[in-house]
Amino acid sequence: MQMRENDRVRIELGEDGVAQVRLTRAEKMNALDGEMFDRLIEAGQALHDMKGLRAVVLSGEGRAFCAGLDLASFGGGRDRSQEPPLTERTYGNANRAQQVAMQWRKLPVPVVAAVHGVCFGGGLQIASGADIRVVAPDTRMAVMEMKWGLVPDMGGIALWRGLVRDDVLRELTYTNREFSGEEAHAIGLATYVEADPHARATEIAATIADRNPHAMRGAKRLINAMADKSTDDLLMDESLEQHPLLGSKNQMEAVMAGMQKRKAAYEDV
């Protein structure tokens, strides 16, 4: 893992293959400045290539998951002359800001976000990049960009597709009103509401890590493709994913472990 020690993001990989990824700018409620953007992208790259990785828990230290953009760092007086235009695709299909949120969906393993405190703007888009979101009931959340005369531009529109009803997403975006973790669950932005979201997220990640890692990565690829591909293409993708799994060492281990009621011992990807 090539992740430099820093004061923005920390990664700890457990023996079960679950990586705890924590935003560590607690004194600023994990607000996003340029350094945070860089370290988050660096973390995503490190995770993508990490040996033995089976699942990720994404959380924020201190009083918040992420309060969104650090306005002091991204104020109107900033010199943008050396920055690439937002339309330039510097990370595959995304620009730098979009990659900060989209990379969690692009990781080959499932990501579970544990959200508490405040989750505004860019923070909400980062959490939305996770496969699963566990949110504290009193979390303060908002699609905040319209307050600052902007539109969501960190992948939120792509990530919210299929999660939130169209008219609800419009209302949240147009008004930038706050909503709670409880409401987030009701409208589809939260998977679970839990008083201790980190504990539940870690429990879910541990369950994921106890499954055939080759099958898990295949399942994520299939579900990622679901919104954009035709039925015919998805049916073929299912077959292409399943064919190498059938009779493979890890698939047979899953069967034997289930029959013998023991923990499976998988070969990592």
Protein backbone atom coordinates (compact mmCIF):
# COMPACT_ATOMS: atom_id res chain seq x y z
CA MET A 1 0.00 0.00 0.00
CA GLN A 2 1.44 3.35 -1.08
CA MET A 3 -0.27 5.75 1.33
CA ARG A 4 1.83 8.44 2.91
CA GLU A 5 1.25 9.29 6.55
CA ASN A 6 -0.79 12.50 6.69
CA ASP A 7 -3.25 14.46 8.83
CA ARG A 8 -6.27 14.09 6.51
CA VAL A 9 -6.96 10.38 5.87
CA ARG A 10 -5.86 7.19 7.61
CA ILE A 11 -6.17 3.55 6.47
CA GLU A 12 -5.95 0.52 8.75
CA LEU A 13 -6.29 -2.95 7.21
CA GLY A 14 -7.53 -5.64 9.60
CA GLU A 15 -6.68 -9.32 9.53
CA ASP A 16 -10.16 -10.03 8.16
CA GLY A 17 -9.47 -7.93 5.07
CA VAL A 18 -11.64 -4.99 6.19
CA ALA A 19 -9.97 -1.61 5.74
CA GLN A 20 -11.01 1.17 8.11
CA VAL A 21 -10.68 4.44 6.20
CA ARG A 22 -11.09 7.50 8.40
CA LEU A 23 -11.21 11.19 7.56
CA THR A 24 -9.01 12.68 10.28
CA ARG A 25 -9.42 16.45 9.97
CA ALA A 26 -11.63 16.40 13.03
CA GLU A 27 -10.93 19.98 14.15
CA LYS A 28 -12.54 21.19 10.87
CA MET A 29 -15.35 18.61 10.90
CA ASN A 30 -13.48 16.84 8.08
CA ALA A 31 -14.24 19.69 5.67
CA LEU A 32 -12.78 19.30 2.19
CA ASP A 33 -9.77 21.42 1.33
CA GLY A 34 -7.26 20.79 -1.43
CA GLU A 35 -5.11 18.63 0.80
CA MET A 36 -8.13 16.49 1.78
CA PHE A 37 -9.01 16.01 -1.89
CA ASP A 38 -5.46 14.86 -2.65
CA ARG A 39 -5.24 12.48 0.29
CA LEU A 40 -8.67 10.96 -0.42
CA ILE A 41 -7.69 10.23 -4.01
CA GLU A 42 -4.38 8.81 -2.79
CA ALA A 43 -6.31 6.59 -0.37
CA GLY A 44 -8.59 5.36 -3.15
CA GLN A 45 -5.59 4.47 -5.32
CA ALA A 46 -3.93 2.63 -2.43
CA LEU A 47 -7.10 0.67 -1.70
CA HIS A 48 -7.60 -0.24 -5.34
CA ASP A 49 -4.24 -2.03 -5.41
CA MET A 50 -4.25 -3.37 -1.86
CA LYS A 51 -3.61 -7.11 -1.49
CA GLY A 52 -6.03 -8.98 0.73
CA LEU A 53 -8.66 -6.23 0.69
CA ARG A 54 -12.24 -7.52 0.97
CA ALA A 55 -14.31 -4.58 2.21
CA VAL A 56 -13.97 -0.94 3.28
CA VAL A 57 -15.57 1.03 6.12
CA LEU A 58 -15.50 4.77 5.41
CA SER A 59 -16.01 7.14 8.35
CA GLY A 60 -15.07 10.50 9.81
CA GLU A 61 -13.39 11.17 13.15
CA GLY A 62 -14.66 13.73 15.62
CA ARG A 63 -18.06 15.41 15.46
CA ALA A 64 -18.84 14.85 11.79
CA PHE A 65 -18.53 12.57 8.80
CA CYS A 66 -17.77 15.53 6.50
CA ALA A 67 -19.08 19.11 6.57
CA GLY A 68 -18.53 19.60 2.83
CA LEU A 69 -16.22 22.12 1.20
CA ASP A 70 -13.93 24.19 3.38
CA LEU A 71 -15.10 27.56 2.14
CA ALA A 72 -11.96 29.30 3.40
CA SER A 73 -9.91 27.10 1.06
CA PHE A 74 -12.22 27.36 -1.94
CA GLY A 75 -13.14 31.03 -1.75
CA GLY A 76 -13.65 33.33 -4.69
CA GLY A 77 -10.12 34.75 -4.40
CA ARG A 78 -8.41 31.45 -5.20
CA ASP A 79 -6.14 31.42 -8.24
CA ARG A 80 -7.51 28.78 -10.65
CA SER A 81 -5.21 29.62 -13.55
CA GLN A 82 -3.05 26.51 -13.03
CA GLU A 83 -5.97 24.12 -12.52
CA PRO A 84 -7.32 21.95 -15.35
CA PRO A 85 -10.85 22.84 -16.50
CA LEU A 86 -13.64 20.89 -14.82
CA THR A 87 -14.55 19.37 -18.18
CA GLU A 88 -11.16 17.66 -18.44
CA ARG A 89 -11.46 13.96 -17.52
CA THR A 90 -8.35 13.49 -15.38
CA TYR A 91 -9.52 10.25 -13.70
CA GLY A 92 -11.10 8.04 -16.33
CA ASN A 93 -14.65 9.35 -16.66
CA ALA A 94 -14.28 11.93 -13.86
CA ASN A 95 -12.48 15.10 -12.92
CA ARG A 96 -10.59 15.44 -9.62
CA ALA A 97 -13.54 16.51 -7.49
CA GLN A 98 -15.82 13.84 -8.97
CA GLN A 99 -13.21 11.14 -8.40
CA VAL A 100 -13.21 11.89 -4.66
CA ALA A 101 -16.79 10.57 -4.50
CA MET A 102 -16.92 8.21 -7.49
CA GLN A 103 -13.80 6.25 -6.52
CA TRP A 104 -15.68 4.39 -3.75
CA ARG A 105 -18.11 3.04 -6.34
CA LYS A 106 -15.17 2.21 -8.61
CA LEU A 107 -13.28 0.22 -5.96
CA PRO A 108 -13.44 -3.52 -6.70
CA VAL A 109 -14.73 -4.33 -3.19
CA PRO A 110 -17.86 -3.11 -1.36
CA VAL A 111 -17.65 0.11 0.68
CA VAL A 112 -19.81 0.77 3.74
CA ALA A 113 -20.06 4.39 4.90
CA ALA A 114 -20.66 5.16 8.60
CA VAL A 115 -22.19 8.63 8.76
CA HIS A 116 -22.70 10.79 11.84
CA GLY A 117 -22.83 14.40 12.94
CA VAL A 118 -22.85 16.50 9.77
CA CYS A 119 -22.87 15.32 6.17
CA PHE A 120 -23.25 18.29 3.85
CA GLY A 121 -22.58 18.94 0.17
CA GLY A 122 -19.42 17.20 -0.94
CA GLY A 123 -19.55 15.05 2.19
CA LEU A 124 -22.97 13.72 1.16
CA GLN A 125 -21.65 12.97 -2.32
CA ILE A 126 -18.68 11.07 -0.86
CA ALA A 127 -21.00 9.02 1.36
CA SER A 128 -23.22 8.38 -1.66
CA GLY A 129 -20.29 6.77 -3.44
CA ALA A 130 -20.36 3.91 -0.92
CA ASP A 131 -22.31 0.75 -1.69
CA ILE A 132 -24.10 0.92 1.68
CA ARG A 133 -24.71 3.83 4.07
CA VAL A 134 -25.32 3.46 7.82
CA VAL A 135 -26.43 6.81 9.26
CA ALA A 136 -27.03 8.02 12.80
CA PRO A 137 -30.65 9.18 13.22
CA ASP A 138 -29.72 12.74 14.22
CA THR A 139 -27.19 13.28 11.43
CA ARG A 140 -27.63 16.66 9.72
CA MET A 141 -27.58 16.21 5.96
CA ALA A 142 -28.08 18.47 2.94
CA VAL A 143 -27.51 18.80 -0.79
CA MET A 144 -25.84 22.09 0.05
CA GLU A 145 -24.46 23.43 -3.22
CA MET A 146 -27.38 25.69 -4.18
CA LYS A 147 -26.77 27.74 -1.02
CA TRP A 148 -23.47 28.84 -2.53
CA GLY A 149 -24.88 29.39 -6.03
CA LEU A 150 -23.56 26.06 -7.35
CA VAL A 151 -24.86 22.70 -8.53
CA PRO A 152 -23.80 19.29 -7.13
CA ASP A 153 -20.65 18.48 -9.11
CA MET A 154 -18.84 15.66 -7.26
CA GLY A 155 -20.75 12.82 -8.89
CA GLY A 156 -23.88 13.24 -6.80
CA ILE A 157 -26.34 13.27 -9.68
CA ALA A 158 -24.91 10.01 -11.05
CA LEU A 159 -24.74 8.42 -7.59
CA TRP A 160 -28.25 9.43 -6.50
CA ARG A 161 -29.81 7.97 -9.63
CA GLY A 162 -31.95 5.06 -8.50
CA LEU A 163 -31.63 5.96 -4.80
CA VAL A 164 -33.96 8.95 -4.50
CA ARG A 165 -37.29 9.64 -6.16
CA ASP A 166 -36.93 12.27 -8.89
CA ASP A 167 -39.17 14.92 -7.32
CA VAL A 168 -37.59 14.45 -3.88
CA LEU A 169 -34.09 14.90 -5.31
CA ARG A 170 -35.23 18.04 -7.11
CA GLU A 171 -36.65 19.51 -3.90
CA LEU A 172 -33.54 18.72 -1.86
CA THR A 173 -31.28 20.17 -4.55
CA TYR A 174 -33.31 23.30 -5.32
CA THR A 175 -33.90 24.28 -1.67
CA ASN A 176 -30.71 22.89 -0.01
CA ARG A 177 -32.80 22.23 3.13
CA GLU A 178 -31.40 20.09 5.92
CA PHE A 179 -32.78 16.64 6.61
CA SER A 180 -32.02 14.06 9.28
CA GLY A 181 -30.61 10.57 9.12
CA GLU A 182 -34.12 9.30 9.78
CA GLU A 183 -35.45 11.14 6.72
CA ALA A 184 -32.45 10.01 4.68
CA HIS A 185 -33.53 6.42 5.34
CA ALA A 186 -37.13 7.19 4.40
CA ILE A 187 -36.18 8.72 1.05
CA GLY A 188 -33.50 6.18 0.11
CA LEU A 189 -30.22 7.95 0.88
CA ALA A 190 -29.48 5.78 3.94
CA THR A 191 -29.50 1.99 4.00
CA TYR A 192 -29.77 1.73 7.80
CA VAL A 193 -30.32 4.14 10.68
CA GLU A 194 -28.27 3.20 13.74
CA ALA A 195 -27.28 4.96 16.96
CA ASP A 196 -23.72 3.62 16.44
CA PRO A 197 -23.28 3.69 12.67
CA HIS A 198 -19.60 2.75 12.78
CA ALA A 199 -20.25 -0.45 14.73
CA ARG A 200 -23.01 -1.52 12.33
CA ALA A 201 -20.94 -0.60 9.28
CA THR A 202 -18.03 -2.67 10.58
CA GLU A 203 -20.36 -5.60 11.25
CA ILE A 204 -21.68 -5.46 7.68
CA ALA A 205 -18.15 -5.20 6.28
CA ALA A 206 -17.06 -8.22 8.33
CA THR A 207 -19.92 -10.25 6.85
CA ILE A 208 -18.92 -9.17 3.35
CA ALA A 209 -15.30 -10.12 4.08
CA ASP A 210 -16.45 -13.63 5.02
CA ARG A 211 -17.71 -14.35 1.49
CA ASN A 212 -15.86 -15.59 -1.62
CA PRO A 213 -13.82 -12.49 -2.58
CA HIS A 214 -13.90 -13.35 -6.28
CA ALA A 215 -17.69 -13.65 -6.24
CA MET A 216 -18.02 -10.44 -4.21
CA ARG A 217 -16.03 -8.44 -6.74
CA GLY A 218 -18.07 -9.95 -9.56
CA ALA A 219 -21.32 -9.04 -7.80
CA LYS A 220 -20.17 -5.42 -7.42
CA ARG A 221 -19.28 -5.24 -11.10
CA LEU A 222 -22.73 -6.55 -12.03
CA ILE A 223 -24.62 -4.16 -9.78
CA ASN A 224 -22.50 -1.21 -10.92
CA ALA A 225 -23.51 -2.00 -14.51
CA MET A 226 -27.20 -2.41 -13.74
CA ALA A 227 -28.30 1.20 -14.30
CA ASP A 228 -26.67 1.65 -17.70
CA LYS A 229 -26.84 -1.66 -19.55
CA SER A 230 -29.64 -3.36 -21.44
CA THR A 231 -31.30 -6.53 -20.20
CA ASP A 232 -29.52 -8.54 -22.90
CA ASP A 233 -26.13 -7.18 -21.88
CA LEU A 234 -26.79 -7.78 -18.18
CA LEU A 235 -27.83 -11.38 -18.82
CA MET A 236 -24.58 -11.95 -20.68
CA ASP A 237 -22.59 -10.22 -17.93
CA GLU A 238 -24.13 -12.55 -15.34
CA SER A 239 -22.98 -15.55 -17.35
CA LEU A 240 -19.50 -14.12 -17.89
CA GLU A 241 -19.09 -13.51 -14.15
CA GLN A 242 -20.52 -16.88 -13.11
CA HIS A 243 -18.63 -19.11 -15.52
CA PRO A 244 -15.17 -18.82 -13.91
CA LEU A 245 -16.64 -19.06 -10.41
CA LEU A 246 -18.34 -22.41 -10.89
CA GLY A 247 -16.13 -25.16 -9.51
CA SER A 248 -13.35 -22.73 -8.60
CA LYS A 249 -11.32 -23.29 -5.44
CA ASN A 250 -13.03 -20.46 -3.56
CA GLN A 251 -16.50 -21.50 -4.70
CA MET A 252 -15.93 -25.07 -3.50
CA GLU A 253 -14.55 -23.73 -0.23
CA ALA A 254 -17.77 -21.73 0.24
CA VAL A 255 -19.80 -24.91 -0.24
CA MET A 256 -17.66 -27.00 2.10
CA ALA A 257 -17.54 -24.32 4.81
CA GLY A 258 -21.33 -24.06 4.69
CA MET A 259 -21.82 -27.81 4.89
CA GLN A 260 -19.28 -28.19 7.71
CA LYS A 261 -20.55 -25.10 9.56
CA ARG A 262 -17.10 -23.53 9.80
CA LYS A 263 -15.43 -20.29 8.75
CA ALA A 264 -14.27 -20.38 5.14
CA ALA A 265 -10.58 -20.03 4.30
CA TYR A 266 -10.52 -18.23 0.95
CA GLU A 267 -7.63 -17.45 -1.34
CA ASP A 268 -7.47 -13.67 -1.76
CA VAL A 269 -7.72 -11.94 -5.09
